[in-house]
């Protein structure tokens, strides 16, 4: 069994989506995904059989939401039920059938619970479809930037505590996927069998132009297509 650990990175997740789509083109799909924040969105898109156009639409919608009326989020009335996020996510929600057909057996999503300040991971493939995507949103919630914490059960972006994590399952090979910054610690070298380093995208994690998104997707897709699997 193969396990992927997928990091967060805001809009940079478009590159991770391209990389996963490139691997999938070669029928290289993990049995287990462990992901936080935009890494969860990337896996969700890649393994729900989206194409480049659909992936770009998703991240463009996220960018437009992040950059529209930033001051209004601080002013009442507050969107306590997260309706804006739900409406944004609706066009991209799919059933679990696609993931299972692609070979996924477990899809763990991590987030931070503010109730006890602990990192929590859930296998969203055992949840109903709507609840599964809600967990992904919990994993990518940044207070005042994306929405207010009470929207999603007092949880925030999982990357605040762990950008890469593994499951407790006995998988034969664990791949750590990251961007080209930070060093691999001794614990990571012991935990992961392989580290894949993606080039740092142009733009910031919170703003990328359409051209930068497309270029990042295409470049990382080519890395996935040509990656030596062994």
C-alpha atoms as a PDB file:
ATOM      1  CA  UNK A   1       0.000   0.000   0.000  1.00  0.00           C
ATOM      2  CA  UNK A   2       1.181   3.495  -0.902  1.00  0.00           C
ATOM      3  CA  UNK A   3       0.484   6.562   1.243  1.00  0.00           C
ATOM      4  CA  UNK A   4       0.835  10.234   0.280  1.00  0.00           C
ATOM      5  CA  UNK A   5       1.272  13.043   2.826  1.00  0.00           C
ATOM      6  CA  UNK A   6       0.083  16.284   1.201  1.00  0.00           C
ATOM      7  CA  UNK A   7       0.870  19.768   2.592  1.00  0.00           C
ATOM      8  CA  UNK A   8      -1.120  22.962   2.732  1.00  0.00           C
ATOM      9  CA  UNK A   9      -0.062  26.061   0.873  1.00  0.00           C
ATOM     10  CA  UNK A  10      -3.080  28.167  -0.010  1.00  0.00           C
ATOM     11  CA  UNK A  11      -3.413  28.832  -3.722  1.00  0.00           C
ATOM     12  CA  UNK A  12      -0.131  27.009  -4.294  1.00  0.00           C
ATOM     13  CA  UNK A  13      -2.305  23.908  -4.022  1.00  0.00           C
ATOM     14  CA  UNK A  14      -3.003  24.292  -7.743  1.00  0.00           C
ATOM     15  CA  UNK A  15       0.525  22.976  -8.348  1.00  0.00           C
ATOM     16  CA  UNK A  16      -0.045  20.001  -6.083  1.00  0.00           C
ATOM     17  CA  UNK A  17      -3.272  19.294  -7.983  1.00  0.00           C
ATOM     18  CA  UNK A  18      -1.344  19.278 -11.255  1.00  0.00           C
ATOM     19  CA  UNK A  19       1.294  16.956  -9.807  1.00  0.00           C
ATOM     20  CA  UNK A  20      -1.314  14.466  -8.563  1.00  0.00           C
ATOM     21  CA  UNK A  21      -3.121  14.598 -11.910  1.00  0.00           C
ATOM     22  CA  UNK A  22       0.177  13.871 -13.657  1.00  0.00           C
ATOM     23  CA  UNK A  23       0.774  10.828 -11.466  1.00  0.00           C
ATOM     24  CA  UNK A  24      -2.805   9.670 -11.995  1.00  0.00           C
ATOM     25  CA  UNK A  25      -2.266   9.882 -15.750  1.00  0.00           C
ATOM     26  CA  UNK A  26       0.302   7.105 -15.227  1.00  0.00           C
ATOM     27  CA  UNK A  27      -2.087   5.180 -12.956  1.00  0.00           C
ATOM     28  CA  UNK A  28       0.059   5.973  -9.925  1.00  0.00           C
ATOM     29  CA  UNK A  29      -2.550   6.623  -7.239  1.00  0.00           C
ATOM     30  CA  UNK A  30      -2.040   6.102  -3.494  1.00  0.00           C
ATOM     31  CA  UNK A  31      -4.174   3.825  -1.380  1.00  0.00           C
ATOM     32  CA  UNK A  32      -4.087   6.371   1.458  1.00  0.00           C
ATOM     33  CA  UNK A  33      -4.040  10.184   1.452  1.00  0.00           C
ATOM     34  CA  UNK A  34      -3.119  12.260   4.521  1.00  0.00           C
ATOM     35  CA  UNK A  35      -3.655  15.952   3.858  1.00  0.00           C
ATOM     36  CA  UNK A  36      -4.184  19.388   5.337  1.00  0.00           C
ATOM     37  CA  UNK A  37      -5.604  22.635   3.983  1.00  0.00           C
ATOM     38  CA  UNK A  38      -5.082  23.101   0.234  1.00  0.00           C
ATOM     39  CA  UNK A  39      -3.481  19.649   0.077  1.00  0.00           C
ATOM     40  CA  UNK A  40      -6.918  18.259   0.871  1.00  0.00           C
ATOM     41  CA  UNK A  41      -8.511  20.347  -1.875  1.00  0.00           C
ATOM     42  CA  UNK A  42      -5.820  19.182  -4.316  1.00  0.00           C
ATOM     43  CA  UNK A  43      -6.422  15.496  -3.587  1.00  0.00           C
ATOM     44  CA  UNK A  44     -10.169  15.994  -3.671  1.00  0.00           C
ATOM     45  CA  UNK A  45      -9.958  17.549  -7.130  1.00  0.00           C
ATOM     46  CA  UNK A  46      -7.338  15.196  -8.582  1.00  0.00           C
ATOM     47  CA  UNK A  47      -9.035  11.987  -7.457  1.00  0.00           C
ATOM     48  CA  UNK A  48     -12.538  13.108  -8.382  1.00  0.00           C
ATOM     49  CA  UNK A  49     -11.473  13.014 -12.044  1.00  0.00           C
ATOM     50  CA  UNK A  50     -11.338  16.766 -12.580  1.00  0.00           C
ATOM     51  CA  UNK A  51      -9.439  18.197 -15.536  1.00  0.00           C
ATOM     52  CA  UNK A  52      -7.117  21.226 -15.546  1.00  0.00           C
ATOM     53  CA  UNK A  53      -9.953  23.616 -16.357  1.00  0.00           C
ATOM     54  CA  UNK A  54     -12.068  22.481 -13.405  1.00  0.00           C
ATOM     55  CA  UNK A  55      -9.113  22.591 -11.019  1.00  0.00           C
ATOM     56  CA  UNK A  56      -8.244  26.106 -12.134  1.00  0.00           C
ATOM     57  CA  UNK A  57     -11.866  27.188 -11.695  1.00  0.00           C
ATOM     58  CA  UNK A  58     -11.838  25.951  -8.109  1.00  0.00           C
ATOM     59  CA  UNK A  59      -8.657  27.784  -7.125  1.00  0.00           C
ATOM     60  CA  UNK A  60      -9.688  30.904  -9.031  1.00  0.00           C
ATOM     61  CA  UNK A  61     -12.950  30.935  -7.088  1.00  0.00           C
ATOM     62  CA  UNK A  62     -10.994  30.647  -3.835  1.00  0.00           C
ATOM     63  CA  UNK A  63      -8.698  33.494  -4.863  1.00  0.00           C
ATOM     64  CA  UNK A  64     -11.605  35.727  -5.815  1.00  0.00           C
ATOM     65  CA  UNK A  65     -13.265  35.038  -2.474  1.00  0.00           C
ATOM     66  CA  UNK A  66     -10.071  35.818  -0.540  1.00  0.00           C
ATOM     67  CA  UNK A  67      -9.511  39.101  -2.357  1.00  0.00           C
ATOM     68  CA  UNK A  68     -13.097  40.374  -2.463  1.00  0.00           C
ATOM     69  CA  UNK A  69     -14.302  42.793   0.238  1.00  0.00           C
ATOM     70  CA  UNK A  70     -11.594  41.850   2.777  1.00  0.00           C
ATOM     71  CA  UNK A  71     -12.717  44.491   5.305  1.00  0.00           C
ATOM     72  CA  UNK A  72     -16.338  43.384   5.227  1.00  0.00           C
ATOM     73  CA  UNK A  73     -15.438  40.166   7.054  1.00  0.00           C
ATOM     74  CA  UNK A  74     -14.748  42.230  10.185  1.00  0.00           C
ATOM     75  CA  UNK A  75     -18.147  43.920  10.144  1.00  0.00           C
ATOM     76  CA  UNK A  76     -21.565  42.563  11.160  1.00  0.00           C
ATOM     77  CA  UNK A  77     -23.739  40.873  10.185  1.00  0.00           C
ATOM     78  CA  UNK A  78     -21.469  37.831  10.313  1.00  0.00           C
ATOM     79  CA  UNK A  79     -21.974  34.785   8.124  1.00  0.00           C
ATOM     80  CA  UNK A  80     -22.066  32.446  11.114  1.00  0.00           C
ATOM     81  CA  UNK A  81     -23.395  29.495   9.101  1.00  0.00           C
ATOM     82  CA  UNK A  82     -20.695  29.755   6.454  1.00  0.00           C
ATOM     83  CA  UNK A  83     -23.157  30.137   3.603  1.00  0.00           C
ATOM     84  CA  UNK A  84     -20.628  31.958   1.395  1.00  0.00           C
ATOM     85  CA  UNK A  85     -18.158  29.097   1.682  1.00  0.00           C
ATOM     86  CA  UNK A  86     -20.860  26.499   1.115  1.00  0.00           C
ATOM     87  CA  UNK A  87     -22.059  28.214  -2.067  1.00  0.00           C
ATOM     88  CA  UNK A  88     -18.465  28.496  -3.260  1.00  0.00           C
ATOM     89  CA  UNK A  89     -17.840  24.784  -2.669  1.00  0.00           C
ATOM     90  CA  UNK A  90     -21.109  23.371  -4.055  1.00  0.00           C
ATOM     91  CA  UNK A  91     -20.076  23.113  -7.745  1.00  0.00           C
ATOM     92  CA  UNK A  92     -17.018  21.028  -6.846  1.00  0.00           C
ATOM     93  CA  UNK A  93     -18.557  18.504  -4.441  1.00  0.00           C
ATOM     94  CA  UNK A  94     -18.714  14.910  -5.689  1.00  0.00           C
ATOM     95  CA  UNK A  95     -19.721  11.565  -4.218  1.00  0.00           C
ATOM     96  CA  UNK A  96     -17.148   9.137  -2.819  1.00  0.00           C
ATOM     97  CA  UNK A  97     -17.597   6.785  -5.758  1.00  0.00           C
ATOM     98  CA  UNK A  98     -14.929   8.597  -7.822  1.00  0.00           C
ATOM     99  CA  UNK A  99     -12.290   8.297  -5.103  1.00  0.00           C
ATOM    100  CA  UNK A 100     -12.973   4.608  -4.556  1.00  0.00           C
ATOM    101  CA  UNK A 101     -12.903   3.887  -8.308  1.00  0.00           C
ATOM    102  CA  UNK A 102      -9.527   5.647  -8.498  1.00  0.00           C
ATOM    103  CA  UNK A 103      -8.156   3.345  -5.809  1.00  0.00           C
ATOM    104  CA  UNK A 104      -8.317   5.420  -2.637  1.00  0.00           C
ATOM    105  CA  UNK A 105      -9.073   3.355   0.428  1.00  0.00           C
ATOM    106  CA  UNK A 106      -8.648   6.132   3.024  1.00  0.00           C
ATOM    107  CA  UNK A 107      -8.648   9.931   2.740  1.00  0.00           C
ATOM    108  CA  UNK A 108      -7.471  11.466   6.015  1.00  0.00           C
ATOM    109  CA  UNK A 109      -7.931  15.214   6.480  1.00  0.00           C
ATOM    110  CA  UNK A 110      -6.267  17.048   9.368  1.00  0.00           C
ATOM    111  CA  UNK A 111      -7.350  20.189  11.205  1.00  0.00           C
ATOM    112  CA  UNK A 112      -6.714  21.902  14.543  1.00  0.00           C
ATOM    113  CA  UNK A 113      -9.480  21.874  17.147  1.00  0.00           C
ATOM    114  CA  UNK A 114      -9.366  25.032  19.248  1.00  0.00           C
ATOM    115  CA  UNK A 115     -11.370  23.360  21.990  1.00  0.00           C
ATOM    116  CA  UNK A 116      -8.306  21.445  23.146  1.00  0.00           C
ATOM    117  CA  UNK A 117      -5.647  22.828  20.761  1.00  0.00           C
ATOM    118  CA  UNK A 118      -5.052  19.388  19.337  1.00  0.00           C
ATOM    119  CA  UNK A 119      -4.489  18.127  15.817  1.00  0.00           C
ATOM    120  CA  UNK A 120      -7.361  15.932  14.640  1.00  0.00           C
ATOM    121  CA  UNK A 121      -7.566  13.760  11.545  1.00  0.00           C
ATOM    122  CA  UNK A 122     -10.681  12.235  10.036  1.00  0.00           C
ATOM    123  CA  UNK A 123     -11.145   9.729   7.238  1.00  0.00           C
ATOM    124  CA  UNK A 124     -13.674  11.594   5.107  1.00  0.00           C
ATOM    125  CA  UNK A 125     -14.544   8.497   3.069  1.00  0.00           C
ATOM    126  CA  UNK A 126     -16.565   7.206   5.997  1.00  0.00           C
ATOM    127  CA  UNK A 127     -18.602  10.449   6.174  1.00  0.00           C
ATOM    128  CA  UNK A 128     -21.580  11.433   4.026  1.00  0.00           C
ATOM    129  CA  UNK A 129     -20.623  13.549   1.025  1.00  0.00           C
ATOM    130  CA  UNK A 130     -21.602  16.933   2.489  1.00  0.00           C
ATOM    131  CA  UNK A 131     -19.923  16.219   5.822  1.00  0.00           C
ATOM    132  CA  UNK A 132     -16.766  15.113   4.023  1.00  0.00           C
ATOM    133  CA  UNK A 133     -16.336  18.415   2.244  1.00  0.00           C
ATOM    134  CA  UNK A 134     -17.172  20.294   5.426  1.00  0.00           C
ATOM    135  CA  UNK A 135     -14.164  18.583   7.042  1.00  0.00           C
ATOM    136  CA  UNK A 136     -11.960  19.768   4.177  1.00  0.00           C
ATOM    137  CA  UNK A 137     -13.185  23.314   4.750  1.00  0.00           C
ATOM    138  CA  UNK A 138     -12.437  22.989   8.461  1.00  0.00           C
ATOM    139  CA  UNK A 139      -8.905  21.996   7.496  1.00  0.00           C
ATOM    140  CA  UNK A 140      -8.420  25.188   5.470  1.00  0.00           C
ATOM    141  CA  UNK A 141     -10.096  27.726   7.732  1.00  0.00           C
ATOM    142  CA  UNK A 142      -7.949  30.731   8.663  1.00  0.00           C
ATOM    143  CA  UNK A 143      -9.710  33.194  11.002  1.00  0.00           C
ATOM    144  CA  UNK A 144     -10.654  36.517   9.393  1.00  0.00           C
ATOM    145  CA  UNK A 145      -9.052  35.500   6.098  1.00  0.00           C
ATOM    146  CA  UNK A 146     -11.380  32.767   4.927  1.00  0.00           C
ATOM    147  CA  UNK A 147     -14.186  33.011   7.491  1.00  0.00           C
ATOM    148  CA  UNK A 148     -14.875  33.058  11.224  1.00  0.00           C
ATOM    149  CA  UNK A 149     -13.945  30.074  13.367  1.00  0.00           C
ATOM    150  CA  UNK A 150     -17.479  29.382  14.704  1.00  0.00           C
ATOM    151  CA  UNK A 151     -18.559  28.447  11.173  1.00  0.00           C
ATOM    152  CA  UNK A 152     -16.838  25.108  11.378  1.00  0.00           C
ATOM    153  CA  UNK A 153     -17.005  23.837  14.939  1.00  0.00           C
ATOM    154  CA  UNK A 154     -14.153  25.957  16.274  1.00  0.00           C
ATOM    155  CA  UNK A 155     -11.496  24.496  13.982  1.00  0.00           C
ATOM    156  CA  UNK A 156      -8.670  26.107  12.038  1.00  0.00           C
ATOM    157  CA  UNK A 157      -6.161  25.209   9.326  1.00  0.00           C
ATOM    158  CA  UNK A 158      -4.382  21.935  10.100  1.00  0.00           C
ATOM    159  CA  UNK A 159      -1.101  23.363   8.807  1.00  0.00           C
ATOM    160  CA  UNK A 160      -0.748  25.462  11.959  1.00  0.00           C
ATOM    161  CA  UNK A 161       0.307  22.297  13.779  1.00  0.00           C
ATOM    162  CA  UNK A 162       1.243  19.772  11.081  1.00  0.00           C
ATOM    163  CA  UNK A 163       1.807  20.356   7.401  1.00  0.00           C
ATOM    164  CA  UNK A 164       2.668  16.702   6.815  1.00  0.00           C
ATOM    165  CA  UNK A 165       1.388  13.764   8.838  1.00  0.00           C
ATOM    166  CA  UNK A 166       0.938  10.031   8.431  1.00  0.00           C
ATOM    167  CA  UNK A 167      -1.819   7.597   9.216  1.00  0.00           C
ATOM    168  CA  UNK A 168      -1.587   4.771  11.728  1.00  0.00           C
ATOM    169  CA  UNK A 169      -2.092   2.260   8.933  1.00  0.00           C
ATOM    170  CA  UNK A 170       0.608  -0.229   7.985  1.00  0.00           C
ATOM    171  CA  UNK A 171       1.364   1.123   4.522  1.00  0.00           C
ATOM    172  CA  UNK A 172       4.479  -0.254   2.846  1.00  0.00           C
ATOM    173  CA  UNK A 173       5.618   3.092   1.453  1.00  0.00           C
ATOM    174  CA  UNK A 174       4.973   6.641   2.628  1.00  0.00           C
ATOM    175  CA  UNK A 175       5.717   9.631   0.392  1.00  0.00           C
ATOM    176  CA  UNK A 176       6.106  13.125   1.808  1.00  0.00           C
ATOM    177  CA  UNK A 177       5.253  15.793  -0.765  1.00  0.00           C
ATOM    178  CA  UNK A 178       6.362  19.359  -0.048  1.00  0.00           C
ATOM    179  CA  UNK A 179       7.475  22.611  -1.628  1.00  0.00           C
ATOM    180  CA  UNK A 180      11.091  23.721  -1.992  1.00  0.00           C
ATOM    181  CA  UNK A 181      11.585  25.277   1.426  1.00  0.00           C
ATOM    182  CA  UNK A 182      12.343  23.871   4.838  1.00  0.00           C
ATOM    183  CA  UNK A 183      14.562  20.976   5.757  1.00  0.00           C
ATOM    184  CA  UNK A 184      13.614  17.380   6.290  1.00  0.00           C
ATOM    185  CA  UNK A 185      14.024  16.686  10.005  1.00  0.00           C
ATOM    186  CA  UNK A 186      15.358  13.493  11.534  1.00  0.00           C
ATOM    187  CA  UNK A 187      11.840  12.386  12.488  1.00  0.00           C
ATOM    188  CA  UNK A 188      10.627  12.956   8.926  1.00  0.00           C
ATOM    189  CA  UNK A 189      13.548  10.978   7.497  1.00  0.00           C
ATOM    190  CA  UNK A 190      12.611   8.122   9.789  1.00  0.00           C
ATOM    191  CA  UNK A 191       8.892   8.337   8.968  1.00  0.00           C
ATOM    192  CA  UNK A 192       8.846   8.827   5.202  1.00  0.00           C
ATOM    193  CA  UNK A 193      10.377   6.558   2.602  1.00  0.00           C
ATOM    194  CA  UNK A 194      10.518   9.253  -0.048  1.00  0.00           C
ATOM    195  CA  UNK A 195      10.270  13.039  -0.253  1.00  0.00           C
ATOM    196  CA  UNK A 196       8.986  14.732  -3.401  1.00  0.00           C
ATOM    197  CA  UNK A 197       9.884  18.432  -3.634  1.00  0.00           C
ATOM    198  CA  UNK A 198       7.728  20.615  -5.886  1.00  0.00           C
ATOM    199  CA  UNK A 199       9.089  23.953  -7.151  1.00  0.00           C
ATOM    200  CA  UNK A 200       7.875  27.013  -5.300  1.00  0.00           C
ATOM    201  CA  UNK A 201       5.129  28.643  -7.423  1.00  0.00           C
ATOM    202  CA  UNK A 202       5.137  32.255  -8.536  1.00  0.00           C
ATOM    203  CA  UNK A 203       2.870  34.563  -6.601  1.00  0.00           C
ATOM    204  CA  UNK A 204       1.871  34.270  -2.961  1.00  0.00           C
ATOM    205  CA  UNK A 205      -0.182  31.558  -1.263  1.00  0.00           C
ATOM    206  CA  UNK A 206      -3.065  34.072  -1.108  1.00  0.00           C
ATOM    207  CA  UNK A 207      -2.884  35.609  -4.578  1.00  0.00           C
ATOM    208  CA  UNK A 208      -1.905  34.197  -7.955  1.00  0.00           C
ATOM    209  CA  UNK A 209      -2.918  35.483 -11.375  1.00  0.00           C
ATOM    210  CA  UNK A 210      -4.725  33.187 -13.812  1.00  0.00           C
ATOM    211  CA  UNK A 211      -1.533  32.851 -15.851  1.00  0.00           C
ATOM    212  CA  UNK A 212       0.518  31.965 -12.756  1.00  0.00           C
ATOM    213  CA  UNK A 213      -2.029  29.322 -11.761  1.00  0.00           C
ATOM    214  CA  UNK A 214      -2.050  27.760 -15.209  1.00  0.00           C
ATOM    215  CA  UNK A 215       1.741  27.799 -15.436  1.00  0.00           C
ATOM    216  CA  UNK A 216       2.065  26.240 -11.981  1.00  0.00           C
ATOM    217  CA  UNK A 217      -0.463  23.497 -12.749  1.00  0.00           C
ATOM    218  CA  UNK A 218       1.218  22.633 -16.064  1.00  0.00           C
ATOM    219  CA  UNK A 219       4.743  22.610 -14.627  1.00  0.00           C
ATOM    220  CA  UNK A 220       3.825  20.344 -11.722  1.00  0.00           C
ATOM    221  CA  UNK A 221       1.724  18.127 -14.005  1.00  0.00           C
ATOM    222  CA  UNK A 222       4.844  17.500 -16.101  1.00  0.00           C
ATOM    223  CA  UNK A 223       6.769  16.600 -12.936  1.00  0.00           C
ATOM    224  CA  UNK A 224       4.096  14.053 -12.086  1.00  0.00           C
ATOM    225  CA  UNK A 225       4.074  12.595 -15.597  1.00  0.00           C
ATOM    226  CA  UNK A 226       7.860  12.203 -15.713  1.00  0.00           C
ATOM    227  CA  UNK A 227       8.594  11.329 -12.060  1.00  0.00           C
ATOM    228  CA  UNK A 228      10.652   8.176 -11.576  1.00  0.00           C
ATOM    229  CA  UNK A 229       8.295   5.958  -9.592  1.00  0.00           C
ATOM    230  CA  UNK A 230      10.849   3.739  -7.870  1.00  0.00           C
END
